[in-house]
């Protein structure tokens, strides 16, 4: 099985791919970052609701973030 140079480098340094995903991002405004945080918090809320016995403890943080985006 032939391996490309990219596969070899990734195999030698498993953090390389992760670092590329993290650091090769474009700069985002704080509003875009806050929207992303609200979206992710909403997904976690849905996931927690699907698990019996799990309580949602993120209401206050989610409410604050939503107010920052939609004053």
PDB file of N, CA and C in Angstrom:
ATOM      1  N   UNK A   1       0.845  -1.182   0.000  1.00  0.00           N
ATOM      2  CA  UNK A   1       0.000   0.000   0.000  1.00  0.00           C
ATOM      3  C   UNK A   1       0.888   1.242   0.000  1.00  0.00           C
ATOM      4  N   UNK A   2       0.698   2.078  -0.993  1.00  0.00           N
ATOM      5  CA  UNK A   2       1.504   3.301  -1.077  1.00  0.00           C
ATOM      6  C   UNK A   2       0.933   4.369  -0.161  1.00  0.00           C
ATOM      7  N   UNK A   3       1.835   5.125   0.419  1.00  0.00           N
ATOM      8  CA  UNK A   3       1.422   6.227   1.282  1.00  0.00           C
ATOM      9  C   UNK A   3       1.957   7.524   0.700  1.00  0.00           C
ATOM     10  N   UNK A   4       1.130   8.543   0.751  1.00  0.00           N
ATOM     11  CA  UNK A   4       1.572   9.850   0.271  1.00  0.00           C
ATOM     12  C   UNK A   4       2.420  10.504   1.346  1.00  0.00           C
ATOM     13  N   UNK A   5       3.134  11.538   0.956  1.00  0.00           N
ATOM     14  CA  UNK A   5       3.972  12.265   1.916  1.00  0.00           C
ATOM     15  C   UNK A   5       3.114  12.865   3.025  1.00  0.00           C
ATOM     16  N   UNK A   6       1.890  13.316   2.680  1.00  0.00           N
ATOM     17  CA  UNK A   6       1.001  13.876   3.704  1.00  0.00           C
ATOM     18  C   UNK A   6       0.639  12.828   4.750  1.00  0.00           C
ATOM     19  N   UNK A   7       0.355  11.597   4.292  1.00  0.00           N
ATOM     20  CA  UNK A   7       0.026  10.534   5.239  1.00  0.00           C
ATOM     21  C   UNK A   7       1.213  10.202   6.135  1.00  0.00           C
ATOM     22  N   UNK A   8       2.391  10.225   5.575  1.00  0.00           N
ATOM     23  CA  UNK A   8       3.598   9.928   6.349  1.00  0.00           C
ATOM     24  C   UNK A   8       3.837  11.006   7.396  1.00  0.00           C
ATOM     25  N   UNK A   9       3.700  12.265   6.996  1.00  0.00           N
ATOM     26  CA  UNK A   9       3.907  13.374   7.931  1.00  0.00           C
ATOM     27  C   UNK A   9       2.853  13.334   9.026  1.00  0.00           C
ATOM     28  N   UNK A  10       1.584  13.098   8.651  1.00  0.00           N
ATOM     29  CA  UNK A  10       0.526  13.010   9.655  1.00  0.00           C
ATOM     30  C   UNK A  10       0.783  11.861  10.621  1.00  0.00           C
ATOM     31  N   UNK A  11       1.276  10.743  10.100  1.00  0.00           N
ATOM     32  CA  UNK A  11       1.580   9.602  10.963  1.00  0.00           C
ATOM     33  C   UNK A  11       2.714   9.905  11.920  1.00  0.00           C
ATOM     34  N   UNK A  12       3.682  10.686  11.464  1.00  0.00           N
ATOM     35  CA  UNK A  12       4.825  11.044  12.301  1.00  0.00           C
ATOM     36  C   UNK A  12       4.453  12.104  13.327  1.00  0.00           C
ATOM     37  N   UNK A  13       3.503  12.942  12.996  1.00  0.00           N
ATOM     38  CA  UNK A  13       3.099  14.012  13.897  1.00  0.00           C
ATOM     39  C   UNK A  13       1.572  14.088  13.919  1.00  0.00           C
ATOM     40  N   UNK A  14       0.909  13.322  14.795  1.00  0.00           N
ATOM     41  CA  UNK A  14      -0.552  13.295  14.808  1.00  0.00           C
ATOM     42  C   UNK A  14      -1.181  14.637  15.167  1.00  0.00           C
ATOM     43  N   UNK A  15      -0.431  15.513  15.811  1.00  0.00           N
ATOM     44  CA  UNK A  15      -0.984  16.817  16.173  1.00  0.00           C
ATOM     45  C   UNK A  15      -1.027  17.773  14.992  1.00  0.00           C
ATOM     46  N   UNK A  16      -0.323  17.461  13.920  1.00  0.00           N
ATOM     47  CA  UNK A  16      -0.245  18.371  12.775  1.00  0.00           C
ATOM     48  C   UNK A  16      -1.618  18.650  12.180  1.00  0.00           C
ATOM     49  N   UNK A  17      -2.399  17.605  11.954  1.00  0.00           N
ATOM     50  CA  UNK A  17      -3.723  17.796  11.362  1.00  0.00           C
ATOM     51  C   UNK A  17      -4.618  18.617  12.283  1.00  0.00           C
ATOM     52  N   UNK A  18      -4.587  18.313  13.586  1.00  0.00           N
ATOM     53  CA  UNK A  18      -5.390  19.068  14.547  1.00  0.00           C
ATOM     54  C   UNK A  18      -4.960  20.532  14.573  1.00  0.00           C
ATOM     55  N   UNK A  19      -3.661  20.778  14.595  1.00  0.00           N
ATOM     56  CA  UNK A  19      -3.173  22.153  14.614  1.00  0.00           C
ATOM     57  C   UNK A  19      -3.591  22.903  13.356  1.00  0.00           C
ATOM     58  N   UNK A  20      -3.554  22.232  12.216  1.00  0.00           N
ATOM     59  CA  UNK A  20      -3.990  22.878  10.981  1.00  0.00           C
ATOM     60  C   UNK A  20      -5.454  23.269  11.061  1.00  0.00           C
ATOM     61  N   UNK A  21      -6.276  22.403  11.636  1.00  0.00           N
ATOM     62  CA  UNK A  21      -7.698  22.734  11.761  1.00  0.00           C
ATOM     63  C   UNK A  21      -7.886  23.926  12.688  1.00  0.00           C
ATOM     64  N   UNK A  22      -7.104  23.984  13.759  1.00  0.00           N
ATOM     65  CA  UNK A  22      -7.273  25.041  14.754  1.00  0.00           C
ATOM     66  C   UNK A  22      -6.695  26.367  14.278  1.00  0.00           C
ATOM     67  N   UNK A  23      -5.463  26.336  13.775  1.00  0.00           N
ATOM     68  CA  UNK A  23      -4.762  27.584  13.509  1.00  0.00           C
ATOM     69  C   UNK A  23      -4.927  28.120  12.095  1.00  0.00           C
ATOM     70  N   UNK A  24      -5.437  27.320  11.163  1.00  0.00           N
ATOM     71  CA  UNK A  24      -5.618  27.806   9.799  1.00  0.00           C
ATOM     72  C   UNK A  24      -7.001  28.400   9.574  1.00  0.00           C
ATOM     73  N   UNK A  25      -7.674  28.745  10.646  1.00  0.00           N
ATOM     74  CA  UNK A  25      -8.997  29.344  10.535  1.00  0.00           C
ATOM     75  C   UNK A  25      -8.869  30.833  10.230  1.00  0.00           C
ATOM     76  N   UNK A  26      -9.899  31.371   9.590  1.00  0.00           N
ATOM     77  CA  UNK A  26      -9.917  32.813   9.364  1.00  0.00           C
ATOM     78  C   UNK A  26     -10.306  33.493  10.675  1.00  0.00           C
ATOM     79  N   UNK A  27      -9.918  34.747  10.800  1.00  0.00           N
ATOM     80  CA  UNK A  27     -10.288  35.502  11.989  1.00  0.00           C
ATOM     81  C   UNK A  27     -11.783  35.768  11.952  1.00  0.00           C
ATOM     82  N   UNK A  28     -12.417  35.658  13.110  1.00  0.00           N
ATOM     83  CA  UNK A  28     -13.853  35.875  13.207  1.00  0.00           C
ATOM     84  C   UNK A  28     -14.112  36.990  14.206  1.00  0.00           C
ATOM     85  N   UNK A  29     -15.188  37.730  13.969  1.00  0.00           N
ATOM     86  CA  UNK A  29     -15.566  38.787  14.903  1.00  0.00           C
ATOM     87  C   UNK A  29     -16.117  38.145  16.174  1.00  0.00           C
ATOM     88  N   UNK A  30     -16.184  38.921  17.242  1.00  0.00           N
ATOM     89  CA  UNK A  30     -16.688  38.386  18.499  1.00  0.00           C
ATOM     90  C   UNK A  30     -18.141  37.989  18.365  1.00  0.00           C
ATOM     91  N   UNK A  31     -18.889  38.657  17.477  1.00  0.00           N
ATOM     92  CA  UNK A  31     -20.300  38.311  17.266  1.00  0.00           C
ATOM     93  C   UNK A  31     -20.406  36.911  16.654  1.00  0.00           C
ATOM     94  N   UNK A  32     -19.550  36.618  15.662  1.00  0.00           N
ATOM     95  CA  UNK A  32     -19.556  35.282  15.045  1.00  0.00           C
ATOM     96  C   UNK A  32     -19.171  34.213  16.061  1.00  0.00           C
ATOM     97  N   UNK A  33     -18.191  34.519  16.890  1.00  0.00           N
ATOM     98  CA  UNK A  33     -17.769  33.566  17.919  1.00  0.00           C
ATOM     99  C   UNK A  33     -18.905  33.337  18.916  1.00  0.00           C
ATOM    100  N   UNK A  34     -19.557  34.419  19.348  1.00  0.00           N
ATOM    101  CA  UNK A  34     -20.666  34.300  20.301  1.00  0.00           C
ATOM    102  C   UNK A  34     -21.816  33.506  19.696  1.00  0.00           C
ATOM    103  N   UNK A  35     -22.127  33.740  18.417  1.00  0.00           N
ATOM    104  CA  UNK A  35     -23.189  32.963  17.758  1.00  0.00           C
ATOM    105  C   UNK A  35     -22.840  31.481  17.744  1.00  0.00           C
ATOM    106  N   UNK A  36     -21.597  31.180  17.440  1.00  0.00           N
ATOM    107  CA  UNK A  36     -21.159  29.789  17.451  1.00  0.00           C
ATOM    108  C   UNK A  36     -21.297  29.165  18.826  1.00  0.00           C
ATOM    109  N   UNK A  37     -20.981  29.953  19.861  1.00  0.00           N
ATOM    110  CA  UNK A  37     -21.105  29.454  21.231  1.00  0.00           C
ATOM    111  C   UNK A  37     -22.567  29.182  21.580  1.00  0.00           C
ATOM    112  N   UNK A  38     -23.458  30.084  21.166  1.00  0.00           N
ATOM    113  CA  UNK A  38     -24.888  29.899  21.428  1.00  0.00           C
ATOM    114  C   UNK A  38     -25.399  28.663  20.704  1.00  0.00           C
ATOM    115  N   UNK A  39     -24.993  28.495  19.445  1.00  0.00           N
ATOM    116  CA  UNK A  39     -25.410  27.316  18.680  1.00  0.00           C
ATOM    117  C   UNK A  39     -24.936  26.035  19.352  1.00  0.00           C
ATOM    118  N   UNK A  40     -23.688  26.031  19.802  1.00  0.00           N
ATOM    119  CA  UNK A  40     -23.139  24.837  20.448  1.00  0.00           C
ATOM    120  C   UNK A  40     -23.848  24.576  21.777  1.00  0.00           C
ATOM    121  N   UNK A  41     -24.140  25.625  22.527  1.00  0.00           N
ATOM    122  CA  UNK A  41     -24.854  25.457  23.796  1.00  0.00           C
ATOM    123  C   UNK A  41     -26.256  24.902  23.555  1.00  0.00           C
ATOM    124  N   UNK A  42     -26.904  25.353  22.483  1.00  0.00           N
ATOM    125  CA  UNK A  42     -28.237  24.840  22.153  1.00  0.00           C
ATOM    126  C   UNK A  42     -28.175  23.352  21.812  1.00  0.00           C
ATOM    127  N   UNK A  43     -27.139  22.948  21.093  1.00  0.00           N
ATOM    128  CA  UNK A  43     -26.978  21.526  20.780  1.00  0.00           C
ATOM    129  C   UNK A  43     -26.768  20.706  22.050  1.00  0.00           C
ATOM    130  N   UNK A  44     -25.956  21.237  22.970  1.00  0.00           N
ATOM    131  CA  UNK A  44     -25.735  20.523  24.231  1.00  0.00           C
ATOM    132  C   UNK A  44     -27.035  20.427  25.021  1.00  0.00           C
ATOM    133  N   UNK A  45     -27.840  21.480  24.976  1.00  0.00           N
ATOM    134  CA  UNK A  45     -29.127  21.463  25.678  1.00  0.00           C
ATOM    135  C   UNK A  45     -30.016  20.358  25.110  1.00  0.00           C
ATOM    136  N   UNK A  46     -30.059  20.250  23.772  1.00  0.00           N
ATOM    137  CA  UNK A  46     -30.852  19.189  23.145  1.00  0.00           C
ATOM    138  C   UNK A  46     -30.319  17.806  23.521  1.00  0.00           C
ATOM    139  N   UNK A  47     -29.003  17.677  23.535  1.00  0.00           N
ATOM    140  CA  UNK A  47     -28.404  16.386  23.886  1.00  0.00           C
ATOM    141  C   UNK A  47     -28.715  16.020  25.334  1.00  0.00           C
ATOM    142  N   UNK A  48     -28.626  16.986  26.234  1.00  0.00           N
ATOM    143  CA  UNK A  48     -28.927  16.723  27.647  1.00  0.00           C
ATOM    144  C   UNK A  48     -30.393  16.364  27.840  1.00  0.00           C
ATOM    145  N   UNK A  49     -31.283  16.995  27.055  1.00  0.00           N
ATOM    146  CA  UNK A  49     -32.711  16.708  27.166  1.00  0.00           C
ATOM    147  C   UNK A  49     -33.019  15.277  26.746  1.00  0.00           C
ATOM    148  N   UNK A  50     -32.194  14.714  25.887  1.00  0.00           N
ATOM    149  CA  UNK A  50     -32.419  13.354  25.400  1.00  0.00           C
ATOM    150  C   UNK A  50     -31.958  12.298  26.399  1.00  0.00           C
ATOM    151  N   UNK A  51     -31.226  12.709  27.437  1.00  0.00           N
ATOM    152  CA  UNK A  51     -30.705  11.756  28.425  1.00  0.00           C
ATOM    153  C   UNK A  51     -31.567  11.853  29.680  1.00  0.00           C
ATOM    154  N   UNK A  52     -32.274  10.776  30.026  1.00  0.00           N
ATOM    155  CA  UNK A  52     -33.120  10.816  31.230  1.00  0.00           C
ATOM    156  C   UNK A  52     -32.293  11.095  32.485  1.00  0.00           C
ATOM    157  N   UNK A  53     -32.812  11.975  33.328  1.00  0.00           N
ATOM    158  CA  UNK A  53     -32.141  12.271  34.583  1.00  0.00           C
ATOM    159  C   UNK A  53     -31.105  13.375  34.499  1.00  0.00           C
ATOM    160  N   UNK A  54     -30.781  13.843  33.301  1.00  0.00           N
ATOM    161  CA  UNK A  54     -29.802  14.925  33.165  1.00  0.00           C
ATOM    162  C   UNK A  54     -30.526  16.263  33.254  1.00  0.00           C
ATOM    163  N   UNK A  55     -29.999  17.144  34.058  1.00  0.00           N
ATOM    164  CA  UNK A  55     -30.580  18.474  34.180  1.00  0.00           C
ATOM    165  C   UNK A  55     -29.768  19.451  33.367  1.00  0.00           C
ATOM    166  N   UNK A  56     -30.437  20.471  32.854  1.00  0.00           N
ATOM    167  CA  UNK A  56     -29.754  21.495  32.061  1.00  0.00           C
ATOM    168  C   UNK A  56     -29.294  22.597  32.995  1.00  0.00           C
ATOM    169  N   UNK A  57     -27.998  22.700  33.206  1.00  0.00           N
ATOM    170  CA  UNK A  57     -27.436  23.713  34.095  1.00  0.00           C
ATOM    171  C   UNK A  57     -26.862  24.892  33.330  1.00  0.00           C
ATOM    172  N   UNK A  58     -27.076  24.953  32.024  1.00  0.00           N
ATOM    173  CA  UNK A  58     -26.474  26.000  31.205  1.00  0.00           C
ATOM    174  C   UNK A  58     -27.442  27.124  30.867  1.00  0.00           C
ATOM    175  N   UNK A  59     -28.620  27.150  31.485  1.00  0.00           N
ATOM    176  CA  UNK A  59     -29.599  28.168  31.132  1.00  0.00           C
ATOM    177  C   UNK A  59     -29.056  29.576  31.307  1.00  0.00           C
ATOM    178  N   UNK A  60     -28.401  29.854  32.423  1.00  0.00           N
ATOM    179  CA  UNK A  60     -27.955  31.220  32.671  1.00  0.00           C
ATOM    180  C   UNK A  60     -26.876  31.645  31.679  1.00  0.00           C
ATOM    181  N   UNK A  61     -25.916  30.779  31.394  1.00  0.00           N
ATOM    182  CA  UNK A  61     -24.857  31.129  30.445  1.00  0.00           C
ATOM    183  C   UNK A  61     -25.421  31.295  29.048  1.00  0.00           C
ATOM    184  N   UNK A  62     -26.345  30.421  28.649  1.00  0.00           N
ATOM    185  CA  UNK A  62     -26.949  30.510  27.327  1.00  0.00           C
ATOM    186  C   UNK A  62     -27.773  31.781  27.207  1.00  0.00           C
ATOM    187  N   UNK A  63     -28.516  32.123  28.244  1.00  0.00           N
ATOM    188  CA  UNK A  63     -29.329  33.332  28.214  1.00  0.00           C
ATOM    189  C   UNK A  63     -28.455  34.571  28.086  1.00  0.00           C
ATOM    190  N   UNK A  64     -27.367  34.627  28.807  1.00  0.00           N
ATOM    191  CA  UNK A  64     -26.449  35.770  28.724  1.00  0.00           C
ATOM    192  C   UNK A  64     -25.877  35.890  27.320  1.00  0.00           C
ATOM    193  N   UNK A  65     -25.435  34.778  26.745  1.00  0.00           N
ATOM    194  CA  UNK A  65     -24.862  34.805  25.398  1.00  0.00           C
ATOM    195  C   UNK A  65     -25.900  35.222  24.369  1.00  0.00           C
ATOM    196  N   UNK A  66     -27.133  34.731  24.507  1.00  0.00           N
ATOM    197  CA  UNK A  66     -28.186  35.115  23.567  1.00  0.00           C
ATOM    198  C   UNK A  66     -28.474  36.610  23.654  1.00  0.00           C
ATOM    199  N   UNK A  67     -28.443  37.168  24.851  1.00  0.00           N
ATOM    200  CA  UNK A  67     -28.685  38.604  25.016  1.00  0.00           C
ATOM    201  C   UNK A  67     -27.552  39.431  24.417  1.00  0.00           C
ATOM    202  N   UNK A  68     -26.328  38.897  24.435  1.00  0.00           N
ATOM    203  CA  UNK A  68     -25.204  39.615  23.825  1.00  0.00           C
ATOM    204  C   UNK A  68     -25.393  39.710  22.317  1.00  0.00           C
ATOM    205  N   UNK A  69     -25.920  38.638  21.725  1.00  0.00           N
ATOM    206  CA  UNK A  69     -26.084  38.607  20.274  1.00  0.00           C
ATOM    207  C   UNK A  69     -27.330  39.362  19.846  1.00  0.00           C
ATOM    208  N   UNK A  70     -28.418  39.187  20.579  1.00  0.00           N
ATOM    209  CA  UNK A  70     -29.696  39.823  20.239  1.00  0.00           C
ATOM    210  C   UNK A  70     -30.108  40.760  21.368  1.00  0.00           C
ATOM    211  N   UNK A  71     -29.518  41.952  21.422  1.00  0.00           N
ATOM    212  CA  UNK A  71     -29.816  42.868  22.542  1.00  0.00           C
ATOM    213  C   UNK A  71     -31.252  43.358  22.541  1.00  0.00           C
TER     214      UNK A  71
END
